Amino acid sequence: MRTPLMTFEEVRAALKQRFPMLMVDSVLSLEPGKSIRTTKNVTGNELQFLGHFPEHAVMPGTLIVEAIGQSASILFSKTVGTGTSPGEFLVLGAINEMRFLVPVVPGDRMEIDVQVLKFIEDFALVEAVATVDGTPVARGKLGFARRKLDDRSGQTFSHQESRNT
């Protein structure tokens, strides 16, 4: 196993999420403004497996999307100029062409590759592939909007906007 670029403690410092919603364990590579590769070690003692499903634990697709989003958030926070600044965060605005190909189960080590497709002002579009042992388990495109922590303007990132990016 290779030495991570960012350890779990560094990842935790970079993200606003906390247990039980922290879905990234390490960063393997990062090219600001372009790409990031992260890991998520899936363990049987995670809360979602109490009910999804008790007889056969399967990682919920929504949490795989969350892991992709957190990976993108780290990438954006490390991207000078178009990344996030103190007091800002990214909100997920669009999920496009998301496909879940193979179940992810406890014991799996998911690697998440995120590629930036576009940065446009306060919006970003990425493409991601999650793999386990080199096999794609999920892929899709996500759109994000940068917001201030106190922004309650009700602005949204609409599906139409995501199509135009």
N, C-alpha and C. Protein backbone atom coordinates (compact mmCIF):
# COMPACT_ATOMS: atom_id res chain seq x y z
N MET A 1 0.85 -1.17 0.00
CA MET A 1 0.00 0.00 0.00
C MET A 1 0.90 1.24 0.00
N ARG A 2 0.59 2.20 -0.84
CA ARG A 2 1.41 3.39 -0.94
C ARG A 2 1.09 4.39 0.17
N THR A 3 2.06 5.26 0.45
CA THR A 3 1.90 6.28 1.49
C THR A 3 0.94 7.34 0.97
N PRO A 4 -0.08 7.69 1.78
CA PRO A 4 -1.04 8.69 1.31
C PRO A 4 -0.44 10.10 1.26
N LEU A 5 -0.96 10.89 0.35
CA LEU A 5 -0.60 12.30 0.26
C LEU A 5 -1.19 13.07 1.44
N MET A 6 -2.42 12.68 1.84
CA MET A 6 -3.07 13.25 3.01
C MET A 6 -3.58 12.09 3.88
N THR A 7 -3.24 12.13 5.16
CA THR A 7 -3.69 11.11 6.09
C THR A 7 -5.13 11.39 6.52
N PHE A 8 -5.70 10.46 7.30
CA PHE A 8 -7.06 10.64 7.80
C PHE A 8 -7.18 11.93 8.61
N GLU A 9 -6.20 12.22 9.45
CA GLU A 9 -6.26 13.45 10.27
C GLU A 9 -6.25 14.69 9.39
N GLU A 10 -5.47 14.68 8.32
CA GLU A 10 -5.42 15.82 7.40
C GLU A 10 -6.72 15.94 6.61
N VAL A 11 -7.30 14.81 6.24
CA VAL A 11 -8.60 14.81 5.55
C VAL A 11 -9.66 15.40 6.47
N ARG A 12 -9.68 14.94 7.72
CA ARG A 12 -10.67 15.43 8.68
C ARG A 12 -10.53 16.94 8.87
N ALA A 13 -9.32 17.45 8.88
CA ALA A 13 -9.11 18.90 9.02
C ALA A 13 -9.61 19.66 7.79
N ALA A 14 -9.57 19.01 6.62
CA ALA A 14 -9.98 19.67 5.38
C ALA A 14 -11.48 19.66 5.14
N LEU A 15 -12.21 18.73 5.78
CA LEU A 15 -13.65 18.58 5.56
C LEU A 15 -14.45 19.10 6.76
N LYS A 16 -15.66 19.53 6.48
CA LYS A 16 -16.56 19.98 7.54
C LYS A 16 -17.38 18.83 8.12
N GLN A 17 -17.50 17.73 7.39
CA GLN A 17 -18.27 16.57 7.86
C GLN A 17 -17.55 15.90 9.03
N ARG A 18 -18.34 15.28 9.89
CA ARG A 18 -17.82 14.53 11.03
C ARG A 18 -18.57 13.20 11.12
N PHE A 19 -18.09 12.32 11.99
CA PHE A 19 -18.73 11.03 12.21
C PHE A 19 -20.22 11.25 12.44
N PRO A 20 -21.07 10.48 11.82
CA PRO A 20 -20.81 9.31 10.99
C PRO A 20 -20.78 9.62 9.49
N MET A 21 -20.66 10.89 9.13
CA MET A 21 -20.73 11.25 7.70
C MET A 21 -19.37 11.49 7.04
N LEU A 22 -18.28 11.21 7.70
CA LEU A 22 -16.96 11.35 7.09
C LEU A 22 -16.72 10.14 6.20
N MET A 23 -16.64 10.35 4.89
CA MET A 23 -16.60 9.24 3.93
C MET A 23 -15.29 9.15 3.15
N VAL A 24 -14.25 9.89 3.57
CA VAL A 24 -12.94 9.80 2.92
C VAL A 24 -11.92 9.50 4.01
N ASP A 25 -11.08 8.49 3.77
CA ASP A 25 -10.05 8.11 4.74
C ASP A 25 -8.67 8.66 4.42
N SER A 26 -8.35 8.79 3.14
CA SER A 26 -7.04 9.33 2.77
C SER A 26 -7.08 9.86 1.35
N VAL A 27 -6.08 10.68 1.03
CA VAL A 27 -5.90 11.18 -0.33
C VAL A 27 -4.62 10.56 -0.87
N LEU A 28 -4.72 9.88 -2.01
CA LEU A 28 -3.56 9.23 -2.62
C LEU A 28 -2.83 10.16 -3.58
N SER A 29 -3.60 10.98 -4.32
CA SER A 29 -2.98 11.93 -5.25
C SER A 29 -3.92 13.11 -5.44
N LEU A 30 -3.33 14.25 -5.78
CA LEU A 30 -4.11 15.46 -5.97
C LEU A 30 -3.37 16.38 -6.93
N GLU A 31 -4.06 16.81 -7.96
CA GLU A 31 -3.54 17.81 -8.88
C GLU A 31 -4.53 18.97 -8.86
N PRO A 32 -4.19 20.06 -8.12
CA PRO A 32 -5.14 21.17 -7.95
C PRO A 32 -5.75 21.62 -9.28
N GLY A 33 -7.07 21.79 -9.24
CA GLY A 33 -7.80 22.24 -10.42
C GLY A 33 -8.08 21.17 -11.45
N LYS A 34 -7.54 19.95 -11.23
CA LYS A 34 -7.70 18.91 -12.24
C LYS A 34 -8.26 17.60 -11.71
N SER A 35 -7.62 17.02 -10.67
CA SER A 35 -8.05 15.68 -10.25
C SER A 35 -7.62 15.37 -8.82
N ILE A 36 -8.27 14.34 -8.28
CA ILE A 36 -7.93 13.82 -6.96
C ILE A 36 -8.26 12.34 -6.94
N ARG A 37 -7.47 11.58 -6.16
CA ARG A 37 -7.76 10.16 -5.92
C ARG A 37 -7.76 9.97 -4.41
N THR A 38 -8.88 9.43 -3.89
CA THR A 38 -9.05 9.23 -2.45
C THR A 38 -9.41 7.79 -2.17
N THR A 39 -9.42 7.44 -0.87
CA THR A 39 -9.84 6.10 -0.46
C THR A 39 -10.94 6.19 0.59
N LYS A 40 -11.76 5.16 0.62
CA LYS A 40 -12.77 4.95 1.66
C LYS A 40 -12.70 3.47 2.02
N ASN A 41 -12.29 3.20 3.26
CA ASN A 41 -12.26 1.82 3.76
C ASN A 41 -13.64 1.51 4.34
N VAL A 42 -14.31 0.56 3.76
CA VAL A 42 -15.67 0.22 4.18
C VAL A 42 -15.57 -0.87 5.25
N THR A 43 -16.12 -0.56 6.44
CA THR A 43 -16.06 -1.51 7.55
C THR A 43 -17.46 -1.87 8.03
N GLY A 44 -17.60 -3.07 8.53
CA GLY A 44 -18.89 -3.58 8.96
C GLY A 44 -19.47 -2.90 10.18
N ASN A 45 -18.68 -2.10 10.91
CA ASN A 45 -19.21 -1.45 12.10
C ASN A 45 -19.75 -0.05 11.81
N GLU A 46 -19.89 0.32 10.54
CA GLU A 46 -20.46 1.62 10.19
C GLU A 46 -21.97 1.58 10.40
N LEU A 47 -22.53 2.71 10.85
CA LEU A 47 -23.94 2.78 11.24
C LEU A 47 -24.91 2.35 10.14
N GLN A 48 -24.62 2.67 8.89
CA GLN A 48 -25.58 2.36 7.82
C GLN A 48 -25.83 0.86 7.69
N PHE A 49 -24.89 0.05 8.13
CA PHE A 49 -25.06 -1.39 7.97
C PHE A 49 -26.00 -2.01 9.00
N LEU A 50 -26.43 -1.23 9.98
CA LEU A 50 -27.44 -1.72 10.91
C LEU A 50 -28.77 -1.96 10.19
N GLY A 51 -29.02 -1.17 9.13
CA GLY A 51 -30.29 -1.31 8.44
C GLY A 51 -30.18 -1.49 6.94
N HIS A 52 -28.98 -1.49 6.38
CA HIS A 52 -28.82 -1.55 4.92
C HIS A 52 -27.78 -2.60 4.54
N PHE A 53 -27.98 -3.77 4.59
CA PHE A 53 -29.13 -4.53 5.06
C PHE A 53 -28.62 -5.47 6.13
N PRO A 54 -29.39 -5.72 7.19
CA PRO A 54 -28.88 -6.54 8.30
C PRO A 54 -28.41 -7.94 7.87
N GLU A 55 -29.08 -8.54 6.90
CA GLU A 55 -28.72 -9.90 6.48
C GLU A 55 -27.58 -9.91 5.45
N HIS A 56 -27.41 -8.82 4.72
CA HIS A 56 -26.37 -8.73 3.69
C HIS A 56 -26.00 -7.26 3.52
N ALA A 57 -24.96 -6.83 4.23
CA ALA A 57 -24.56 -5.42 4.25
C ALA A 57 -24.11 -4.94 2.87
N VAL A 58 -24.71 -3.83 2.42
CA VAL A 58 -24.36 -3.20 1.15
C VAL A 58 -24.24 -1.69 1.39
N MET A 59 -23.16 -1.09 0.93
CA MET A 59 -22.96 0.36 1.07
C MET A 59 -24.03 1.08 0.25
N PRO A 60 -24.80 1.97 0.88
CA PRO A 60 -25.83 2.70 0.13
C PRO A 60 -25.21 3.59 -0.95
N GLY A 61 -25.86 3.63 -2.10
CA GLY A 61 -25.39 4.47 -3.20
C GLY A 61 -25.27 5.93 -2.81
N THR A 62 -26.18 6.40 -1.96
CA THR A 62 -26.11 7.80 -1.53
C THR A 62 -24.82 8.09 -0.78
N LEU A 63 -24.30 7.12 -0.06
CA LEU A 63 -23.05 7.33 0.66
C LEU A 63 -21.84 7.24 -0.27
N ILE A 64 -21.96 6.48 -1.33
CA ILE A 64 -20.91 6.48 -2.35
C ILE A 64 -20.87 7.85 -3.01
N VAL A 65 -22.03 8.41 -3.32
CA VAL A 65 -22.09 9.77 -3.88
C VAL A 65 -21.51 10.77 -2.87
N GLU A 66 -21.80 10.61 -1.59
CA GLU A 66 -21.25 11.49 -0.56
C GLU A 66 -19.73 11.40 -0.54
N ALA A 67 -19.17 10.20 -0.67
CA ALA A 67 -17.71 10.03 -0.71
C ALA A 67 -17.11 10.75 -1.92
N ILE A 68 -17.78 10.68 -3.04
CA ILE A 68 -17.33 11.40 -4.24
C ILE A 68 -17.38 12.90 -3.98
N GLY A 69 -18.49 13.37 -3.40
CA GLY A 69 -18.64 14.79 -3.10
C GLY A 69 -17.58 15.30 -2.13
N GLN A 70 -17.27 14.52 -1.11
CA GLN A 70 -16.24 14.93 -0.16
C GLN A 70 -14.86 14.95 -0.82
N SER A 71 -14.62 14.01 -1.71
CA SER A 71 -13.37 14.00 -2.46
C SER A 71 -13.25 15.27 -3.30
N ALA A 72 -14.33 15.62 -3.98
CA ALA A 72 -14.35 16.85 -4.78
C ALA A 72 -14.15 18.08 -3.90
N SER A 73 -14.74 18.07 -2.73
CA SER A 73 -14.60 19.19 -1.80
C SER A 73 -13.14 19.40 -1.40
N ILE A 74 -12.41 18.31 -1.13
CA ILE A 74 -10.99 18.43 -0.82
C ILE A 74 -10.24 19.01 -2.01
N LEU A 75 -10.53 18.50 -3.20
CA LEU A 75 -9.89 19.01 -4.42
C LEU A 75 -10.13 20.51 -4.56
N PHE A 76 -11.38 20.94 -4.40
CA PHE A 76 -11.69 22.36 -4.57
C PHE A 76 -11.03 23.20 -3.49
N SER A 77 -10.94 22.69 -2.26
CA SER A 77 -10.31 23.46 -1.19
C SER A 77 -8.81 23.63 -1.43
N LYS A 78 -8.21 22.75 -2.21
CA LYS A 78 -6.78 22.83 -2.52
C LYS A 78 -6.51 23.51 -3.86
N THR A 79 -7.56 24.02 -4.50
CA THR A 79 -7.42 24.67 -5.80
C THR A 79 -7.46 26.18 -5.61
N VAL A 80 -6.33 26.83 -5.75
CA VAL A 80 -6.23 28.28 -5.55
C VAL A 80 -7.01 29.01 -6.64
N GLY A 81 -7.73 30.05 -6.25
CA GLY A 81 -8.47 30.87 -7.21
C GLY A 81 -9.89 30.41 -7.39
N THR A 82 -10.09 29.17 -7.83
CA THR A 82 -11.44 28.67 -8.06
C THR A 82 -11.92 27.76 -6.94
N GLY A 83 -11.04 27.49 -5.98
CA GLY A 83 -11.41 26.63 -4.87
C GLY A 83 -12.20 27.36 -3.81
N THR A 84 -12.40 26.70 -2.68
CA THR A 84 -13.15 27.32 -1.59
C THR A 84 -12.22 28.13 -0.71
N SER A 85 -12.77 29.16 -0.09
CA SER A 85 -12.05 30.01 0.85
C SER A 85 -12.62 29.79 2.24
N PRO A 86 -11.94 30.30 3.28
CA PRO A 86 -12.51 30.18 4.63
C PRO A 86 -13.92 30.77 4.66
N GLY A 87 -14.83 30.08 5.34
CA GLY A 87 -16.22 30.54 5.42
C GLY A 87 -17.08 30.10 4.25
N GLU A 88 -16.51 29.32 3.33
CA GLU A 88 -17.26 28.81 2.17
C GLU A 88 -17.30 27.29 2.22
N PHE A 89 -18.25 26.73 1.52
CA PHE A 89 -18.33 25.29 1.37
C PHE A 89 -19.01 24.99 0.04
N LEU A 90 -18.97 23.74 -0.35
CA LEU A 90 -19.61 23.30 -1.59
C LEU A 90 -20.91 22.59 -1.28
N VAL A 91 -21.92 22.87 -2.06
CA VAL A 91 -23.17 22.13 -1.95
C VAL A 91 -23.35 21.34 -3.23
N LEU A 92 -23.85 20.13 -3.08
CA LEU A 92 -24.14 19.29 -4.22
C LEU A 92 -25.38 19.84 -4.89
N GLY A 93 -25.27 20.13 -6.18
CA GLY A 93 -26.40 20.72 -6.88
C GLY A 93 -27.00 19.83 -7.94
N ALA A 94 -26.22 18.89 -8.47
CA ALA A 94 -26.73 18.04 -9.55
C ALA A 94 -26.00 16.71 -9.56
N ILE A 95 -26.75 15.67 -9.86
CA ILE A 95 -26.19 14.33 -10.06
C ILE A 95 -26.67 13.88 -11.43
N ASN A 96 -25.72 13.62 -12.32
CA ASN A 96 -26.06 13.24 -13.69
C ASN A 96 -25.37 11.92 -14.06
N GLU A 97 -26.11 11.09 -14.78
CA GLU A 97 -25.56 9.85 -15.33
C GLU A 97 -24.91 8.97 -14.26
N MET A 98 -25.42 9.00 -13.03
CA MET A 98 -24.85 8.20 -11.94
C MET A 98 -25.28 6.76 -12.11
N ARG A 99 -24.30 5.86 -12.08
CA ARG A 99 -24.58 4.44 -12.23
C ARG A 99 -23.87 3.68 -11.12
N PHE A 100 -24.57 2.75 -10.51
CA PHE A 100 -24.00 1.88 -9.50
C PHE A 100 -23.87 0.51 -10.13
N LEU A 101 -22.65 0.05 -10.31
CA LEU A 101 -22.37 -1.10 -11.15
C LEU A 101 -22.19 -2.41 -10.37
N VAL A 102 -21.55 -2.33 -9.20
CA VAL A 102 -21.26 -3.51 -8.40
C VAL A 102 -21.47 -3.13 -6.93
N PRO A 103 -22.09 -3.98 -6.12
CA PRO A 103 -22.28 -3.65 -4.70
C PRO A 103 -20.93 -3.48 -3.99
N VAL A 104 -20.89 -2.52 -3.07
CA VAL A 104 -19.73 -2.29 -2.21
C VAL A 104 -20.12 -2.83 -0.83
N VAL A 105 -19.26 -3.67 -0.27
CA VAL A 105 -19.58 -4.36 0.99
C VAL A 105 -18.45 -4.16 2.01
N PRO A 106 -18.74 -4.42 3.29
CA PRO A 106 -17.69 -4.31 4.30
C PRO A 106 -16.47 -5.14 3.91
N GLY A 107 -15.30 -4.57 4.16
CA GLY A 107 -14.04 -5.20 3.78
C GLY A 107 -13.47 -4.62 2.49
N ASP A 108 -14.32 -3.93 1.71
CA ASP A 108 -13.85 -3.31 0.47
C ASP A 108 -13.08 -2.03 0.77
N ARG A 109 -12.11 -1.74 -0.09
CA ARG A 109 -11.39 -0.47 -0.06
C ARG A 109 -11.73 0.23 -1.37
N MET A 110 -12.56 1.25 -1.26
CA MET A 110 -13.00 1.97 -2.44
C MET A 110 -11.98 3.07 -2.76
N GLU A 111 -11.58 3.15 -4.03
CA GLU A 111 -10.76 4.26 -4.51
C GLU A 111 -11.64 5.12 -5.38
N ILE A 112 -11.57 6.42 -5.16
CA ILE A 112 -12.43 7.37 -5.85
C ILE A 112 -11.57 8.31 -6.67
N ASP A 113 -11.79 8.31 -7.98
CA ASP A 113 -11.08 9.21 -8.89
C ASP A 113 -12.06 10.28 -9.35
N VAL A 114 -11.70 11.55 -9.11
CA VAL A 114 -12.52 12.68 -9.50
C VAL A 114 -11.72 13.54 -10.48
N GLN A 115 -12.33 13.83 -11.64
CA GLN A 115 -11.73 14.70 -12.65
C GLN A 115 -12.60 15.93 -12.82
N VAL A 116 -11.99 17.10 -12.81
CA VAL A 116 -12.74 18.33 -13.04
C VAL A 116 -13.06 18.43 -14.53
N LEU A 117 -14.33 18.65 -14.85
CA LEU A 117 -14.73 18.90 -16.23
C LEU A 117 -14.76 20.40 -16.52
N LYS A 118 -15.33 21.19 -15.57
CA LYS A 118 -15.44 22.64 -15.76
C LYS A 118 -15.53 23.37 -14.43
N PHE A 119 -14.91 24.53 -14.38
CA PHE A 119 -15.13 25.51 -13.32
C PHE A 119 -15.77 26.71 -13.99
N ILE A 120 -16.91 27.16 -13.52
CA ILE A 120 -17.57 28.35 -14.05
C ILE A 120 -18.03 29.18 -12.86
N GLU A 121 -17.34 30.29 -12.61
CA GLU A 121 -17.65 31.17 -11.48
C GLU A 121 -17.79 30.37 -10.20
N ASP A 122 -18.99 30.29 -9.63
CA ASP A 122 -19.21 29.59 -8.36
C ASP A 122 -19.72 28.17 -8.56
N PHE A 123 -19.58 27.63 -9.75
CA PHE A 123 -20.06 26.28 -10.04
C PHE A 123 -18.92 25.41 -10.56
N ALA A 124 -19.03 24.12 -10.29
CA ALA A 124 -18.04 23.17 -10.79
C ALA A 124 -18.76 21.90 -11.22
N LEU A 125 -18.25 21.28 -12.25
CA LEU A 125 -18.77 20.01 -12.74
C LEU A 125 -17.61 19.02 -12.76
N VAL A 126 -17.85 17.84 -12.15
CA VAL A 126 -16.82 16.81 -12.10
C VAL A 126 -17.37 15.49 -12.63
N GLU A 127 -16.44 14.63 -13.01
CA GLU A 127 -16.76 13.26 -13.39
C GLU A 127 -16.00 12.35 -12.45
N ALA A 128 -16.64 11.31 -11.96
CA ALA A 128 -16.00 10.45 -10.97
C ALA A 128 -16.22 8.98 -11.28
N VAL A 129 -15.25 8.18 -10.87
CA VAL A 129 -15.35 6.73 -10.94
C VAL A 129 -14.86 6.19 -9.61
N ALA A 130 -15.66 5.35 -8.98
CA ALA A 130 -15.25 4.65 -7.76
C ALA A 130 -14.96 3.21 -8.14
N THR A 131 -13.83 2.69 -7.63
CA THR A 131 -13.44 1.32 -7.94
C THR A 131 -13.11 0.56 -6.66
N VAL A 132 -13.23 -0.76 -6.73
CA VAL A 132 -12.76 -1.67 -5.69
C VAL A 132 -11.90 -2.71 -6.39
N ASP A 133 -10.67 -2.80 -5.98
CA ASP A 133 -9.71 -3.73 -6.61
C ASP A 133 -9.67 -3.56 -8.12
N GLY A 134 -9.74 -2.31 -8.58
CA GLY A 134 -9.66 -2.01 -10.00
C GLY A 134 -10.95 -2.17 -10.78
N THR A 135 -12.00 -2.69 -10.14
CA THR A 135 -13.29 -2.87 -10.80
C THR A 135 -14.18 -1.66 -10.53
N PRO A 136 -14.69 -1.00 -11.58
CA PRO A 136 -15.59 0.14 -11.36
C PRO A 136 -16.86 -0.31 -10.63
N VAL A 137 -17.20 0.40 -9.53
CA VAL A 137 -18.41 0.09 -8.77
C VAL A 137 -19.46 1.18 -8.93
N ALA A 138 -19.03 2.39 -9.28
CA ALA A 138 -19.96 3.51 -9.49
C ALA A 138 -19.27 4.55 -10.36
N ARG A 139 -20.09 5.27 -11.14
CA ARG A 139 -19.55 6.36 -11.96
C ARG A 139 -20.66 7.35 -12.24
N GLY A 140 -20.26 8.60 -12.45
CA GLY A 140 -21.24 9.62 -12.77
C GLY A 140 -20.63 11.01 -12.76
N LYS A 141 -21.50 11.99 -12.99
CA LYS A 141 -21.09 13.40 -13.00
C LYS A 141 -21.85 14.12 -11.89
N LEU A 142 -21.15 15.00 -11.20
CA LEU A 142 -21.76 15.77 -10.12
C LEU A 142 -21.50 17.25 -10.35
N GLY A 143 -22.49 18.07 -10.02
CA GLY A 143 -22.34 19.52 -10.10
C GLY A 143 -22.39 20.11 -8.70
N PHE A 144 -21.53 21.10 -8.45
CA PHE A 144 -21.42 21.73 -7.14
C PHE A 144 -21.53 23.24 -7.27
N ALA A 145 -22.04 23.85 -6.22
CA ALA A 145 -22.09 25.31 -6.13
C ALA A 145 -21.35 25.73 -4.87
N ARG A 146 -20.56 26.79 -4.97
CA ARG A 146 -19.85 27.33 -3.82
C ARG A 146 -20.77 28.30 -3.09
N ARG A 147 -20.88 28.14 -1.78
CA ARG A 147 -21.75 29.00 -0.97
C ARG A 147 -21.02 29.42 0.29
N LYS A 148 -21.42 30.56 0.83
CA LYS A 148 -20.91 31.00 2.13
C LYS A 148 -21.69 30.26 3.21
N LEU A 149 -21.07 30.03 4.35
CA LEU A 149 -21.73 29.30 5.43
C LEU A 149 -23.03 29.94 5.86
N ASP A 150 -23.14 31.26 5.75
CA ASP A 150 -24.36 31.95 6.18
C ASP A 150 -25.30 32.29 5.02
N ASP A 151 -25.05 31.74 3.82
CA ASP A 151 -25.87 32.03 2.64
C ASP A 151 -27.22 31.32 2.74
N ARG A 152 -28.27 32.07 2.90
CA ARG A 152 -29.63 31.51 2.95
C ARG A 152 -30.49 32.15 1.86
N SER A 153 -29.85 32.50 0.77
CA SER A 153 -30.55 33.22 -0.30
C SER A 153 -31.55 32.35 -1.05
N GLY A 154 -31.42 31.04 -0.89
CA GLY A 154 -32.33 30.14 -1.59
C GLY A 154 -31.92 29.89 -3.03
N GLN A 155 -30.71 30.35 -3.41
CA GLN A 155 -30.25 30.10 -4.77
C GLN A 155 -30.04 28.60 -4.94
N THR A 156 -30.36 28.11 -6.11
CA THR A 156 -30.16 26.69 -6.38
C THR A 156 -29.35 26.52 -7.64
N PHE A 157 -28.80 25.36 -7.79
CA PHE A 157 -28.06 24.97 -8.98
C PHE A 157 -28.99 24.04 -9.74
N SER A 158 -29.68 24.57 -10.73
CA SER A 158 -30.74 23.80 -11.38
C SER A 158 -30.20 22.80 -12.39
N HIS A 159 -31.04 21.85 -12.72
CA HIS A 159 -30.72 20.84 -13.72
C HIS A 159 -30.39 21.51 -15.06
N GLN A 160 -31.12 22.55 -15.41
CA GLN A 160 -30.87 23.25 -16.68
C GLN A 160 -29.47 23.86 -16.67
N GLU A 161 -29.05 24.47 -15.56
CA GLU A 161 -27.72 25.04 -15.48
C GLU A 161 -26.66 23.95 -15.65
N SER A 162 -26.89 22.77 -15.05
CA SER A 162 -25.91 21.71 -15.16
C SER A 162 -25.78 21.20 -16.59
N ARG A 163 -26.86 21.27 -17.35
CA ARG A 163 -26.80 20.84 -18.74
C ARG A 163 -26.01 21.81 -19.60
N ASN A 164 -25.99 23.07 -19.21
CA ASN A 164 -25.29 24.09 -19.99
C ASN A 164 -23.82 24.19 -19.66
N THR A 165 -23.33 23.42 -18.71
CA THR A 165 -21.92 23.55 -18.32
C THR A 165 -21.02 22.68 -19.14
